[in-house]
Amino acid sequence: MKKPFLYALVAAVYIMFIVLSITTLGPAIPEPNIIIPIGMLSLLVLSVAVMAFLFFFEPVQLLIEKRQKEALATFSKTVGFFVCFVAIFVIILFFSNK
């Protein structure tokens, strides 16, 4: 139970860090140029790799070890905790606009 919560928490913190960085550093970019799309695509690839590791690495290891029920439980718990974090973000967003 500890690892799925930790993986979901790390995913949520990673997303918050990326959004905060883009929000903070965005105005510092002088004008659009070729580097922006390259940077955004690179960030997408990095994010996919990080999220794949956080959500799929341990369940895939468990599947390889023929522990299907544990793999499904680990994946489901990680996604479930992440859904809870997303719900918290949405609730904060809803009440911060009032």
PDB file of N, CA and C in Angstrom:
ATOM      1  N   MET A   1       0.829  -1.199   0.000  1.00  0.00           N
ATOM      2  CA  MET A   1       0.000   0.000   0.000  1.00  0.00           C
ATOM      3  C   MET A   1       0.864   1.250   0.000  1.00  0.00           C
ATOM      4  N   LYS A   2       2.034   1.167   0.572  1.00  0.00           N
ATOM      5  CA  LYS A   2       2.891   2.351   0.678  1.00  0.00           C
ATOM      6  C   LYS A   2       3.401   2.802  -0.689  1.00  0.00           C
ATOM      7  N   LYS A   3       3.860   1.869  -1.519  1.00  0.00           N
ATOM      8  CA  LYS A   3       4.434   2.243  -2.817  1.00  0.00           C
ATOM      9  C   LYS A   3       3.423   2.879  -3.764  1.00  0.00           C
ATOM     10  N   PRO A   4       2.213   2.329  -3.935  1.00  0.00           N
ATOM     11  CA  PRO A   4       1.263   2.995  -4.850  1.00  0.00           C
ATOM     12  C   PRO A   4       0.966   4.438  -4.436  1.00  0.00           C
ATOM     13  N   PHE A   5       0.811   4.682  -3.144  1.00  0.00           N
ATOM     14  CA  PHE A   5       0.569   6.056  -2.681  1.00  0.00           C
ATOM     15  C   PHE A   5       1.773   6.925  -3.005  1.00  0.00           C
ATOM     16  N   LEU A   6       2.971   6.418  -2.748  1.00  0.00           N
ATOM     17  CA  LEU A   6       4.192   7.174  -3.010  1.00  0.00           C
ATOM     18  C   LEU A   6       4.347   7.467  -4.499  1.00  0.00           C
ATOM     19  N   TYR A   7       4.081   6.469  -5.356  1.00  0.00           N
ATOM     20  CA  TYR A   7       4.187   6.674  -6.801  1.00  0.00           C
ATOM     21  C   TYR A   7       3.199   7.741  -7.270  1.00  0.00           C
ATOM     22  N   ALA A   8       1.962   7.682  -6.785  1.00  0.00           N
ATOM     23  CA  ALA A   8       0.959   8.670  -7.164  1.00  0.00           C
ATOM     24  C   ALA A   8       1.344  10.057  -6.652  1.00  0.00           C
ATOM     25  N   LEU A   9       1.877  10.121  -5.448  1.00  0.00           N
ATOM     26  CA  LEU A   9       2.313  11.401  -4.883  1.00  0.00           C
ATOM     27  C   LEU A   9       3.457  11.989  -5.709  1.00  0.00           C
ATOM     28  N   VAL A  10       4.424  11.172  -6.066  1.00  0.00           N
ATOM     29  CA  VAL A  10       5.551  11.642  -6.878  1.00  0.00           C
ATOM     30  C   VAL A  10       5.045  12.139  -8.234  1.00  0.00           C
ATOM     31  N   ALA A  11       4.090  11.434  -8.835  1.00  0.00           N
ATOM     32  CA  ALA A  11       3.527  11.879 -10.116  1.00  0.00           C
ATOM     33  C   ALA A  11       2.850  13.242  -9.964  1.00  0.00           C
ATOM     34  N   ALA A  12       2.077  13.415  -8.898  1.00  0.00           N
ATOM     35  CA  ALA A  12       1.395  14.689  -8.676  1.00  0.00           C
ATOM     36  C   ALA A  12       2.393  15.815  -8.422  1.00  0.00           C
ATOM     37  N   VAL A  13       3.411  15.552  -7.623  1.00  0.00           N
ATOM     38  CA  VAL A  13       4.432  16.566  -7.343  1.00  0.00           C
ATOM     39  C   VAL A  13       5.209  16.896  -8.612  1.00  0.00           C
ATOM     40  N   TYR A  14       5.512  15.899  -9.427  1.00  0.00           N
ATOM     41  CA  TYR A  14       6.214  16.122 -10.692  1.00  0.00           C
ATOM     42  C   TYR A  14       5.396  17.062 -11.587  1.00  0.00           C
ATOM     43  N   ILE A  15       4.107  16.805 -11.690  1.00  0.00           N
ATOM     44  CA  ILE A  15       3.240  17.654 -12.511  1.00  0.00           C
ATOM     45  C   ILE A  15       3.201  19.071 -11.958  1.00  0.00           C
ATOM     46  N   MET A  16       3.075  19.197 -10.645  1.00  0.00           N
ATOM     47  CA  MET A  16       3.069  20.535 -10.043  1.00  0.00           C
ATOM     48  C   MET A  16       4.382  21.261 -10.308  1.00  0.00           C
ATOM     49  N   PHE A  17       5.501  20.549 -10.228  1.00  0.00           N
ATOM     50  CA  PHE A  17       6.810  21.146 -10.489  1.00  0.00           C
ATOM     51  C   PHE A  17       6.913  21.638 -11.928  1.00  0.00           C
ATOM     52  N   ILE A  18       6.464  20.824 -12.878  1.00  0.00           N
ATOM     53  CA  ILE A  18       6.528  21.213 -14.293  1.00  0.00           C
ATOM     54  C   ILE A  18       5.659  22.441 -14.544  1.00  0.00           C
ATOM     55  N   VAL A  19       4.425  22.425 -14.028  1.00  0.00           N
ATOM     56  CA  VAL A  19       3.524  23.561 -14.239  1.00  0.00           C
ATOM     57  C   VAL A  19       4.085  24.822 -13.588  1.00  0.00           C
ATOM     58  N   LEU A  20       4.600  24.695 -12.374  1.00  0.00           N
ATOM     59  CA  LEU A  20       5.185  25.847 -11.688  1.00  0.00           C
ATOM     60  C   LEU A  20       6.387  26.383 -12.459  1.00  0.00           C
ATOM     61  N   SER A  21       7.216  25.487 -12.969  1.00  0.00           N
ATOM     62  CA  SER A  21       8.389  25.911 -13.743  1.00  0.00           C
ATOM     63  C   SER A  21       7.980  26.641 -15.017  1.00  0.00           C
ATOM     64  N   ILE A  22       7.015  26.088 -15.740  1.00  0.00           N
ATOM     65  CA  ILE A  22       6.573  26.726 -16.977  1.00  0.00           C
ATOM     66  C   ILE A  22       5.929  28.078 -16.683  1.00  0.00           C
ATOM     67  N   THR A  23       5.128  28.136 -15.629  1.00  0.00           N
ATOM     68  CA  THR A  23       4.472  29.390 -15.264  1.00  0.00           C
ATOM     69  C   THR A  23       5.492  30.445 -14.850  1.00  0.00           C
ATOM     70  N   THR A  24       6.494  30.027 -14.111  1.00  0.00           N
ATOM     71  CA  THR A  24       7.508  30.960 -13.626  1.00  0.00           C
ATOM     72  C   THR A  24       8.473  31.382 -14.726  1.00  0.00           C
ATOM     73  N   LEU A  25       8.927  30.434 -15.528  1.00  0.00           N
ATOM     74  CA  LEU A  25       9.945  30.724 -16.539  1.00  0.00           C
ATOM     75  C   LEU A  25       9.357  31.179 -17.870  1.00  0.00           C
ATOM     76  N   GLY A  26       8.068  30.982 -18.096  1.00  0.00           N
ATOM     77  CA  GLY A  26       7.428  31.356 -19.353  1.00  0.00           C
ATOM     78  C   GLY A  26       7.652  32.794 -19.749  1.00  0.00           C
ATOM     79  N   PRO A  27       7.412  33.746 -18.856  1.00  0.00           N
ATOM     80  CA  PRO A  27       7.627  35.149 -19.225  1.00  0.00           C
ATOM     81  C   PRO A  27       9.082  35.496 -19.539  1.00  0.00           C
ATOM     82  N   ALA A  28      10.029  34.670 -19.120  1.00  0.00           N
ATOM     83  CA  ALA A  28      11.442  34.953 -19.361  1.00  0.00           C
ATOM     84  C   ALA A  28      11.861  34.634 -20.794  1.00  0.00           C
ATOM     85  N   ILE A  29      11.028  33.895 -21.525  1.00  0.00           N
ATOM     86  CA  ILE A  29      11.352  33.560 -22.916  1.00  0.00           C
ATOM     87  C   ILE A  29      11.045  34.776 -23.781  1.00  0.00           C
ATOM     88  N   PRO A  30      12.056  35.311 -24.467  1.00  0.00           N
ATOM     89  CA  PRO A  30      11.874  36.576 -25.179  1.00  0.00           C
ATOM     90  C   PRO A  30      10.865  36.512 -26.325  1.00  0.00           C
ATOM     91  N   GLU A  31      10.979  35.553 -27.222  1.00  0.00           N
ATOM     92  CA  GLU A  31      10.071  35.454 -28.354  1.00  0.00           C
ATOM     93  C   GLU A  31      10.044  34.009 -28.826  1.00  0.00           C
ATOM     94  N   PRO A  32       8.959  33.610 -29.458  1.00  0.00           N
ATOM     95  CA  PRO A  32       8.889  32.229 -29.949  1.00  0.00           C
ATOM     96  C   PRO A  32       9.996  31.941 -30.973  1.00  0.00           C
ATOM     97  N   ASN A  33      10.585  30.780 -30.838  1.00  0.00           N
ATOM     98  CA  ASN A  33      11.607  30.337 -31.792  1.00  0.00           C
ATOM     99  C   ASN A  33      11.591  28.812 -31.863  1.00  0.00           C
ATOM    100  N   ILE A  34      12.503  28.232 -32.595  1.00  0.00           N
ATOM    101  CA  ILE A  34      12.528  26.786 -32.831  1.00  0.00           C
ATOM    102  C   ILE A  34      12.801  25.994 -31.550  1.00  0.00           C
ATOM    103  N   ILE A  35      13.431  26.606 -30.576  1.00  0.00           N
ATOM    104  CA  ILE A  35      13.781  25.914 -29.341  1.00  0.00           C
ATOM    105  C   ILE A  35      12.529  25.551 -28.527  1.00  0.00           C
ATOM    106  N   ILE A  36      11.482  26.354 -28.596  1.00  0.00           N
ATOM    107  CA  ILE A  36      10.276  26.098 -27.797  1.00  0.00           C
ATOM    108  C   ILE A  36       9.618  24.768 -28.179  1.00  0.00           C
ATOM    109  N   PRO A  37       9.331  24.504 -29.460  1.00  0.00           N
ATOM    110  CA  PRO A  37       8.738  23.192 -29.778  1.00  0.00           C
ATOM    111  C   PRO A  37       9.661  22.020 -29.441  1.00  0.00           C
ATOM    112  N   ILE A  38      10.964  22.214 -29.645  1.00  0.00           N
ATOM    113  CA  ILE A  38      11.919  21.153 -29.292  1.00  0.00           C
ATOM    114  C   ILE A  38      11.867  20.894 -27.793  1.00  0.00           C
ATOM    115  N   GLY A  39      11.857  21.954 -27.014  1.00  0.00           N
ATOM    116  CA  GLY A  39      11.786  21.816 -25.559  1.00  0.00           C
ATOM    117  C   GLY A  39      10.493  21.165 -25.101  1.00  0.00           C
ATOM    118  N   MET A  40       9.367  21.543 -25.715  1.00  0.00           N
ATOM    119  CA  MET A  40       8.069  20.981 -25.327  1.00  0.00           C
ATOM    120  C   MET A  40       7.978  19.496 -25.677  1.00  0.00           C
ATOM    121  N   LEU A  41       8.457  19.121 -26.875  1.00  0.00           N
ATOM    122  CA  LEU A  41       8.455  17.706 -27.230  1.00  0.00           C
ATOM    123  C   LEU A  41       9.392  16.900 -26.335  1.00  0.00           C
ATOM    124  N   SER A  42      10.524  17.482 -25.998  1.00  0.00           N
ATOM    125  CA  SER A  42      11.455  16.814 -25.085  1.00  0.00           C
ATOM    126  C   SER A  42      10.827  16.637 -23.710  1.00  0.00           C
ATOM    127  N   LEU A  43      10.119  17.664 -23.247  1.00  0.00           N
ATOM    128  CA  LEU A  43       9.431  17.579 -21.966  1.00  0.00           C
ATOM    129  C   LEU A  43       8.341  16.515 -22.004  1.00  0.00           C
ATOM    130  N   LEU A  44       7.633  16.405 -23.124  1.00  0.00           N
ATOM    131  CA  LEU A  44       6.613  15.367 -23.272  1.00  0.00           C
ATOM    132  C   LEU A  44       7.236  13.978 -23.173  1.00  0.00           C
ATOM    133  N   VAL A  45       8.337  13.762 -23.868  1.00  0.00           N
ATOM    134  CA  VAL A  45       9.010  12.455 -23.835  1.00  0.00           C
ATOM    135  C   VAL A  45       9.494  12.149 -22.420  1.00  0.00           C
ATOM    136  N   LEU A  46      10.080  13.131 -21.756  1.00  0.00           N
ATOM    137  CA  LEU A  46      10.533  12.941 -20.382  1.00  0.00           C
ATOM    138  C   LEU A  46       9.359  12.607 -19.468  1.00  0.00           C
ATOM    139  N   SER A  47       8.264  13.321 -19.622  1.00  0.00           N
ATOM    140  CA  SER A  47       7.093  13.098 -18.775  1.00  0.00           C
ATOM    141  C   SER A  47       6.493  11.714 -19.003  1.00  0.00           C
ATOM    142  N   VAL A  48       6.428  11.280 -20.237  1.00  0.00           N
ATOM    143  CA  VAL A  48       5.910   9.939 -20.536  1.00  0.00           C
ATOM    144  C   VAL A  48       6.802   8.881 -19.891  1.00  0.00           C
ATOM    145  N   ALA A  49       8.112   9.067 -19.969  1.00  0.00           N
ATOM    146  CA  ALA A  49       9.035   8.110 -19.363  1.00  0.00           C
ATOM    147  C   ALA A  49       8.873   8.076 -17.844  1.00  0.00           C
ATOM    148  N   VAL A  50       8.768   9.235 -17.221  1.00  0.00           N
ATOM    149  CA  VAL A  50       8.611   9.295 -15.760  1.00  0.00           C
ATOM    150  C   VAL A  50       7.302   8.645 -15.343  1.00  0.00           C
ATOM    151  N   MET A  51       6.213   8.990 -16.023  1.00  0.00           N
ATOM    152  CA  MET A  51       4.910   8.425 -15.663  1.00  0.00           C
ATOM    153  C   MET A  51       4.852   6.926 -15.942  1.00  0.00           C
ATOM    154  N   ALA A  52       5.466   6.481 -17.027  1.00  0.00           N
ATOM    155  CA  ALA A  52       5.514   5.040 -17.310  1.00  0.00           C
ATOM    156  C   ALA A  52       6.239   4.307 -16.190  1.00  0.00           C
ATOM    157  N   PHE A  53       7.340   4.866 -15.734  1.00  0.00           N
ATOM    158  CA  PHE A  53       8.059   4.242 -14.630  1.00  0.00           C
ATOM    159  C   PHE A  53       7.197   4.201 -13.378  1.00  0.00           C
ATOM    160  N   LEU A  54       6.587   5.331 -13.032  1.00  0.00           N
ATOM    161  CA  LEU A  54       5.816   5.408 -11.793  1.00  0.00           C
ATOM    162  C   LEU A  54       4.581   4.509 -11.814  1.00  0.00           C
ATOM    163  N   PHE A  55       3.906   4.413 -12.955  1.00  0.00           N
ATOM    164  CA  PHE A  55       2.652   3.672 -13.008  1.00  0.00           C
ATOM    165  C   PHE A  55       2.812   2.212 -13.456  1.00  0.00           C
ATOM    166  N   PHE A  56       3.811   1.902 -14.290  1.00  0.00           N
ATOM    167  CA  PHE A  56       3.865   0.586 -14.908  1.00  0.00           C
ATOM    168  C   PHE A  56       5.048  -0.291 -14.514  1.00  0.00           C
ATOM    169  N   PHE A  57       6.133   0.272 -14.027  1.00  0.00           N
ATOM    170  CA  PHE A  57       7.341  -0.530 -13.804  1.00  0.00           C
ATOM    171  C   PHE A  57       7.104  -1.674 -12.826  1.00  0.00           C
ATOM    172  N   GLU A  58       6.598  -1.349 -11.643  1.00  0.00           N
ATOM    173  CA  GLU A  58       6.383  -2.402 -10.646  1.00  0.00           C
ATOM    174  C   GLU A  58       5.304  -3.402 -11.078  1.00  0.00           C
ATOM    175  N   PRO A  59       4.149  -2.954 -11.605  1.00  0.00           N
ATOM    176  CA  PRO A  59       3.178  -3.952 -12.071  1.00  0.00           C
ATOM    177  C   PRO A  59       3.727  -4.881 -13.157  1.00  0.00           C
ATOM    178  N   VAL A  60       4.536  -4.344 -14.060  1.00  0.00           N
ATOM    179  CA  VAL A  60       5.116  -5.203 -15.103  1.00  0.00           C
ATOM    180  C   VAL A  60       6.078  -6.210 -14.485  1.00  0.00           C
ATOM    181  N   GLN A  61       6.861  -5.785 -13.505  1.00  0.00           N
ATOM    182  CA  GLN A  61       7.746  -6.728 -12.812  1.00  0.00           C
ATOM    183  C   GLN A  61       6.942  -7.843 -12.163  1.00  0.00           C
ATOM    184  N   LEU A  62       5.841  -7.472 -11.525  1.00  0.00           N
ATOM    185  CA  LEU A  62       4.993  -8.472 -10.887  1.00  0.00           C
ATOM    186  C   LEU A  62       4.373  -9.408 -11.930  1.00  0.00           C
ATOM    187  N   LEU A  63       3.982  -8.888 -13.072  1.00  0.00           N
ATOM    188  CA  LEU A  63       3.446  -9.744 -14.138  1.00  0.00           C
ATOM    189  C   LEU A  63       4.493 -10.730 -14.641  1.00  0.00           C
ATOM    190  N   ILE A  64       5.718 -10.263 -14.773  1.00  0.00           N
ATOM    191  CA  ILE A  64       6.798 -11.152 -15.219  1.00  0.00           C
ATOM    192  C   ILE A  64       7.019 -12.275 -14.218  1.00  0.00           C
ATOM    193  N   GLU A  65       6.830 -11.949 -12.937  1.00  0.00           N
ATOM    194  CA  GLU A  65       6.968 -12.952 -11.872  1.00  0.00           C
ATOM    195  C   GLU A  65       5.708 -13.798 -11.710  1.00  0.00           C
ATOM    196  N   LYS A  66       4.740 -13.637 -12.636  1.00  0.00           N
ATOM    197  CA  LYS A  66       3.478 -14.384 -12.624  1.00  0.00           C
ATOM    198  C   LYS A  66       2.633 -14.089 -11.385  1.00  0.00           C
ATOM    199  N   ARG A  67       2.666 -12.842 -10.929  1.00  0.00           N
ATOM    200  CA  ARG A  67       1.863 -12.411  -9.785  1.00  0.00           C
ATOM    201  C   ARG A  67       0.833 -11.396 -10.284  1.00  0.00           C
ATOM    202  N   GLN A  68      -0.106 -11.905 -11.096  1.00  0.00           N
ATOM    203  CA  GLN A  68      -1.062 -11.059 -11.790  1.00  0.00           C
ATOM    204  C   GLN A  68      -1.952 -10.267 -10.840  1.00  0.00           C
ATOM    205  N   LYS A  69      -2.441 -10.914  -9.785  1.00  0.00           N
ATOM    206  CA  LYS A  69      -3.347 -10.217  -8.862  1.00  0.00           C
ATOM    207  C   LYS A  69      -2.641  -9.053  -8.169  1.00  0.00           C
ATOM    208  N   GLU A  70      -1.400  -9.265  -7.758  1.00  0.00           N
ATOM    209  CA  GLU A  70      -0.634  -8.189  -7.117  1.00  0.00           C
ATOM    210  C   GLU A  70      -0.342  -7.067  -8.109  1.00  0.00           C
ATOM    211  N   ALA A  71      -0.055  -7.442  -9.361  1.00  0.00           N
ATOM    212  CA  ALA A  71       0.216  -6.440 -10.396  1.00  0.00           C
ATOM    213  C   ALA A  71      -1.011  -5.566 -10.617  1.00  0.00           C
ATOM    214  N   LEU A  72      -2.163  -6.182 -10.758  1.00  0.00           N
ATOM    215  CA  LEU A  72      -3.393  -5.430 -10.969  1.00  0.00           C
ATOM    216  C   LEU A  72      -3.722  -4.565  -9.752  1.00  0.00           C
ATOM    217  N   ALA A  73      -3.522  -5.117  -8.559  1.00  0.00           N
ATOM    218  CA  ALA A  73      -3.799  -4.353  -7.337  1.00  0.00           C
ATOM    219  C   ALA A  73      -2.869  -3.145  -7.226  1.00  0.00           C
ATOM    220  N   THR A  74      -1.586  -3.335  -7.506  1.00  0.00           N
ATOM    221  CA  THR A  74      -0.626  -2.232  -7.424  1.00  0.00           C
ATOM    222  C   THR A  74      -0.971  -1.143  -8.428  1.00  0.00           C
ATOM    223  N   PHE A  75      -1.246  -1.538  -9.666  1.00  0.00           N
ATOM    224  CA  PHE A  75      -1.596  -0.560 -10.692  1.00  0.00           C
ATOM    225  C   PHE A  75      -2.884   0.170 -10.325  1.00  0.00           C
ATOM    226  N   SER A  76      -3.894  -0.568  -9.902  1.00  0.00           N
ATOM    227  CA  SER A  76      -5.187   0.035  -9.547  1.00  0.00           C
ATOM    228  C   SER A  76      -5.055   1.002  -8.381  1.00  0.00           C
ATOM    229  N   LYS A  77      -4.279   0.630  -7.378  1.00  0.00           N
ATOM    230  CA  LYS A  77      -4.094   1.514  -6.226  1.00  0.00           C
ATOM    231  C   LYS A  77      -3.345   2.788  -6.623  1.00  0.00           C
ATOM    232  N   THR A  78      -2.331   2.643  -7.451  1.00  0.00           N
ATOM    233  CA  THR A  78      -1.575   3.816  -7.895  1.00  0.00           C
ATOM    234  C   THR A  78      -2.488   4.773  -8.665  1.00  0.00           C
ATOM    235  N   VAL A  79      -3.247   4.240  -9.600  1.00  0.00           N
ATOM    236  CA  VAL A  79      -4.171   5.075 -10.368  1.00  0.00           C
ATOM    237  C   VAL A  79      -5.243   5.660  -9.450  1.00  0.00           C
ATOM    238  N   GLY A  80      -5.740   4.869  -8.523  1.00  0.00           N
ATOM    239  CA  GLY A  80      -6.753   5.355  -7.586  1.00  0.00           C
ATOM    240  C   GLY A  80      -6.253   6.507  -6.733  1.00  0.00           C
ATOM    241  N   PHE A  81      -5.059   6.376  -6.199  1.00  0.00           N
ATOM    242  CA  PHE A  81      -4.485   7.473  -5.413  1.00  0.00           C
ATOM    243  C   PHE A  81      -4.269   8.706  -6.289  1.00  0.00           C
ATOM    244  N   PHE A  82      -3.826   8.495  -7.523  1.00  0.00           N
ATOM    245  CA  PHE A  82      -3.615   9.629  -8.413  1.00  0.00           C
ATOM    246  C   PHE A  82      -4.940  10.328  -8.719  1.00  0.00           C
ATOM    247  N   VAL A  83      -6.000   9.554  -8.903  1.00  0.00           N
ATOM    248  CA  VAL A  83      -7.327  10.144  -9.111  1.00  0.00           C
ATOM    249  C   VAL A  83      -7.707  11.004  -7.907  1.00  0.00           C
ATOM    250  N   CYS A  84      -7.385  10.541  -6.708  1.00  0.00           N
ATOM    251  CA  CYS A  84      -7.661  11.332  -5.495  1.00  0.00           C
ATOM    252  C   CYS A  84      -6.895  12.657  -5.522  1.00  0.00           C
ATOM    253  N   PHE A  85      -5.641  12.624  -5.925  1.00  0.00           N
ATOM    254  CA  PHE A  85      -4.856  13.854  -6.016  1.00  0.00           C
ATOM    255  C   PHE A  85      -5.443  14.799  -7.067  1.00  0.00           C
ATOM    256  N   VAL A  86      -5.861  14.252  -8.199  1.00  0.00           N
ATOM    257  CA  VAL A  86      -6.481  15.078  -9.238  1.00  0.00           C
ATOM    258  C   VAL A  86      -7.771  15.698  -8.705  1.00  0.00           C
ATOM    259  N   ALA A  87      -8.547  14.924  -7.981  1.00  0.00           N
ATOM    260  CA  ALA A  87      -9.785  15.452  -7.390  1.00  0.00           C
ATOM    261  C   ALA A  87      -9.485  16.588  -6.421  1.00  0.00           C
ATOM    262  N   ILE A  88      -8.439  16.427  -5.633  1.00  0.00           N
ATOM    263  CA  ILE A  88      -8.039  17.492  -4.699  1.00  0.00           C
ATOM    264  C   ILE A  88      -7.639  18.745  -5.471  1.00  0.00           C
ATOM    265  N   PHE A  89      -6.877  18.586  -6.572  1.00  0.00           N
ATOM    266  CA  PHE A  89      -6.494  19.737  -7.396  1.00  0.00           C
ATOM    267  C   PHE A  89      -7.724  20.441  -7.955  1.00  0.00           C
ATOM    268  N   VAL A  90      -8.694  19.659  -8.439  1.00  0.00           N
ATOM    269  CA  VAL A  90      -9.907  20.241  -9.019  1.00  0.00           C
ATOM    270  C   VAL A  90     -10.713  20.974  -7.946  1.00  0.00           C
ATOM    271  N   ILE A  91     -10.810  20.395  -6.772  1.00  0.00           N
ATOM    272  CA  ILE A  91     -11.539  21.059  -5.668  1.00  0.00           C
ATOM    273  C   ILE A  91     -10.852  22.366  -5.282  1.00  0.00           C
ATOM    274  N   ILE A  92      -9.528  22.335  -5.181  1.00  0.00           N
ATOM    275  CA  ILE A  92      -8.780  23.566  -4.871  1.00  0.00           C
ATOM    276  C   ILE A  92      -9.010  24.605  -5.960  1.00  0.00           C
ATOM    277  N   LEU A  93      -8.954  24.176  -7.221  1.00  0.00           N
ATOM    278  CA  LEU A  93      -9.189  25.100  -8.329  1.00  0.00           C
ATOM    279  C   LEU A  93     -10.590  25.687  -8.263  1.00  0.00           C
ATOM    280  N   PHE A  94     -11.573  24.850  -7.970  1.00  0.00           N
ATOM    281  CA  PHE A  94     -12.955  25.318  -7.901  1.00  0.00           C
ATOM    282  C   PHE A  94     -13.136  26.357  -6.816  1.00  0.00           C
ATOM    283  N   PHE A  95     -12.571  26.120  -5.635  1.00  0.00           N
ATOM    284  CA  PHE A  95     -12.762  27.049  -4.518  1.00  0.00           C
ATOM    285  C   PHE A  95     -11.832  28.243  -4.569  1.00  0.00           C
ATOM    286  N   SER A  96     -10.740  28.171  -5.321  1.00  0.00           N
ATOM    287  CA  SER A  96      -9.821  29.311  -5.409  1.00  0.00           C
ATOM    288  C   SER A  96     -10.329  30.381  -6.373  1.00  0.00           C
ATOM    289  N   ASN A  97     -11.284  30.047  -7.224  1.00  0.00           N
ATOM    290  CA  ASN A  97     -11.831  31.012  -8.176  1.00  0.00           C
ATOM    291  C   ASN A  97     -12.994  31.811  -7.627  1.00  0.00           C
ATOM    292  N   LYS A  98     -13.367  31.590  -6.418  1.00  0.00           N
ATOM    293  CA  LYS A  98     -14.520  32.296  -5.824  1.00  0.00           C
ATOM    294  C   LYS A  98     -14.104  33.629  -5.271  1.00  0.00           C
TER     295      LYS A  98
END
